[in-house]
Amino acid sequence: MSKLLSDNRFDLRIRDCKFGRGVFAGKDFAPKALIEVCPVLLFDKHEEHMAWLTSATNLGRYYFGWGDTHSALAFGYGSLYNHSKRPNADYSCDIKSNEIVIFALKKIKKGDQIFVSYGYDPTKKHNV
């Protein structure tokens, strides 16, 4: 487990929003500030697993690609950040420690919703 993960200083809130639920800042975050470190649960990236995730459950909406052979479900609030074409946060996948690190791209004020870019338009079916 990383040192970042064991430091429980993340001040985040989950609230209802126009997208269902979203992650909101419980304090101000400066640009480049660490927002959250999320451990992940890995899944083999076989077609039958992915078909089940995307059709039989809602999990298909919440997983991350993880290298060439796996997908990952983030714990913490990692799978609950909503998409924006103009995000105020970004993430990096730490394959070695099996963690997703969320950080601020610009100043985020207490009470602001935190958005990341999914790298595609989630409203278009051909991208899902």
Protein backbone atom coordinates (compact mmCIF):
# COMPACT_ATOMS: atom_id res chain seq x y z
CA MET A 1 0.00 0.00 0.00
CA SER A 2 1.35 3.43 -0.91
CA LYS A 3 2.10 6.13 1.65
CA LEU A 4 -0.47 8.32 -0.11
CA LEU A 5 -3.22 5.79 0.41
CA SER A 6 -2.56 5.47 4.13
CA ASP A 7 -2.79 9.27 4.55
CA ASN A 8 -6.55 9.81 4.89
CA ARG A 9 -6.65 13.58 4.35
CA PHE A 10 -9.02 13.62 1.39
CA ASP A 11 -11.98 15.92 2.00
CA LEU A 12 -14.64 14.94 -0.53
CA ARG A 13 -18.42 14.69 -0.57
CA ILE A 14 -20.87 12.71 -2.70
CA ARG A 15 -24.02 14.62 -3.59
CA ASP A 16 -26.90 14.37 -6.01
CA CYS A 17 -26.44 16.39 -9.19
CA LYS A 18 -27.88 16.56 -12.70
CA PHE A 19 -25.73 13.53 -13.65
CA GLY A 20 -27.07 11.36 -10.81
CA ARG A 21 -24.34 11.54 -8.18
CA GLY A 22 -21.08 13.40 -8.24
CA VAL A 23 -17.92 14.07 -6.25
CA PHE A 24 -17.68 17.52 -4.65
CA ALA A 25 -14.79 19.28 -2.94
CA GLY A 26 -15.03 19.46 0.84
CA LYS A 27 -12.18 22.00 0.86
CA ASP A 28 -10.27 24.18 -1.62
CA PHE A 29 -7.76 22.43 -3.86
CA ALA A 30 -4.88 24.32 -5.48
CA PRO A 31 -3.74 23.46 -9.03
CA LYS A 32 -1.78 20.17 -9.05
CA ALA A 33 -3.02 19.32 -5.52
CA LEU A 34 -3.68 15.69 -4.69
CA ILE A 35 -7.42 15.07 -4.45
CA GLU A 36 -7.62 11.32 -3.86
CA VAL A 37 -5.74 8.05 -4.19
CA CYS A 38 -8.00 5.12 -5.09
CA PRO A 39 -7.03 1.46 -4.85
CA VAL A 40 -8.42 -0.66 -7.70
CA LEU A 41 -9.84 -4.14 -8.12
CA LEU A 42 -8.54 -5.75 -11.31
CA PHE A 43 -10.57 -7.84 -13.78
CA ASP A 44 -9.22 -9.90 -16.66
CA LYS A 45 -10.00 -8.08 -19.89
CA HIS A 46 -11.56 -11.03 -21.69
CA GLU A 47 -14.48 -10.32 -23.97
CA GLU A 48 -16.90 -12.46 -21.98
CA HIS A 49 -16.10 -10.56 -18.77
CA MET A 50 -16.48 -7.18 -20.47
CA ALA A 51 -19.76 -8.21 -22.11
CA TRP A 52 -21.12 -9.20 -18.70
CA LEU A 53 -19.91 -5.96 -17.09
CA THR A 54 -21.48 -3.77 -19.73
CA SER A 55 -24.78 -5.60 -20.28
CA ALA A 56 -25.74 -7.48 -17.11
CA THR A 57 -24.71 -4.86 -14.55
CA ASN A 58 -24.15 -1.14 -14.16
CA LEU A 59 -20.43 -1.76 -13.57
CA GLY A 60 -19.67 -1.13 -17.23
CA ARG A 61 -20.20 2.56 -16.56
CA TYR A 62 -17.62 2.66 -13.79
CA TYR A 63 -14.54 0.71 -14.87
CA PHE A 64 -11.18 1.90 -16.20
CA GLY A 65 -8.98 0.29 -18.85
CA TRP A 66 -5.88 -1.05 -17.08
CA GLY A 67 -3.04 -1.87 -19.44
CA ASP A 68 -3.59 -4.33 -22.27
CA THR A 69 -4.88 -7.26 -20.23
CA HIS A 70 -7.10 -5.87 -17.44
CA SER A 71 -9.88 -3.53 -16.48
CA ALA A 72 -10.13 -1.94 -13.05
CA LEU A 73 -12.88 -0.84 -10.68
CA ALA A 74 -11.74 2.03 -8.48
CA PHE A 75 -12.56 2.11 -4.79
CA GLY A 76 -13.00 5.30 -2.81
CA TYR A 77 -14.77 7.82 -5.02
CA GLY A 78 -12.62 6.98 -8.06
CA SER A 79 -15.42 5.54 -10.19
CA LEU A 80 -17.89 8.31 -9.29
CA TYR A 81 -16.22 11.35 -10.86
CA ASN A 82 -18.36 12.70 -13.69
CA HIS A 83 -17.08 13.56 -17.17
CA SER A 84 -16.51 17.03 -18.58
CA LYS A 85 -14.92 18.24 -21.79
CA ARG A 86 -13.45 21.01 -19.59
CA PRO A 87 -12.45 19.08 -16.45
CA ASN A 88 -11.04 20.68 -13.31
CA ALA A 89 -9.19 17.47 -12.36
CA ASP A 90 -7.32 14.63 -14.01
CA TYR A 91 -6.15 11.15 -13.04
CA SER A 92 -3.20 8.89 -13.59
CA CYS A 93 -3.18 5.12 -13.34
CA ASP A 94 -0.32 3.73 -11.27
CA ILE A 95 -0.06 0.21 -12.67
CA LYS A 96 2.68 -0.84 -10.21
CA SER A 97 0.72 0.01 -7.06
CA ASN A 98 -2.77 -0.65 -8.52
CA GLU A 99 -3.99 2.84 -7.67
CA ILE A 100 -5.63 5.73 -9.48
CA VAL A 101 -4.37 9.16 -8.42
CA ILE A 102 -6.79 12.08 -8.85
CA PHE A 103 -5.30 15.60 -8.90
CA ALA A 104 -6.50 19.16 -9.56
CA LEU A 105 -5.83 20.75 -12.95
CA LYS A 106 -6.83 24.19 -11.70
CA LYS A 107 -8.13 25.77 -8.51
CA ILE A 108 -11.19 23.94 -7.17
CA LYS A 109 -13.25 25.74 -4.52
CA LYS A 110 -14.96 24.05 -1.59
CA GLY A 111 -18.39 22.91 -2.80
CA ASP A 112 -17.42 22.68 -6.50
CA GLN A 113 -18.12 19.46 -8.34
CA ILE A 114 -14.95 17.69 -9.42
CA PHE A 115 -14.88 16.55 -13.05
CA VAL A 116 -12.41 14.48 -15.07
CA SER A 117 -12.30 13.79 -18.80
CA TYR A 118 -13.07 10.22 -19.75
CA GLY A 119 -11.17 10.74 -23.01
CA TYR A 120 -14.32 10.19 -25.08
CA ASP A 121 -17.92 11.39 -25.20
CA PRO A 122 -19.86 9.08 -22.86
CA THR A 123 -23.21 10.20 -24.35
CA LYS A 124 -22.40 8.60 -27.73
CA LYS A 125 -23.19 4.88 -27.81
CA HIS A 126 -20.43 3.98 -30.26
CA ASN A 127 -17.81 5.15 -27.72
CA VAL A 128 -19.07 3.05 -24.81
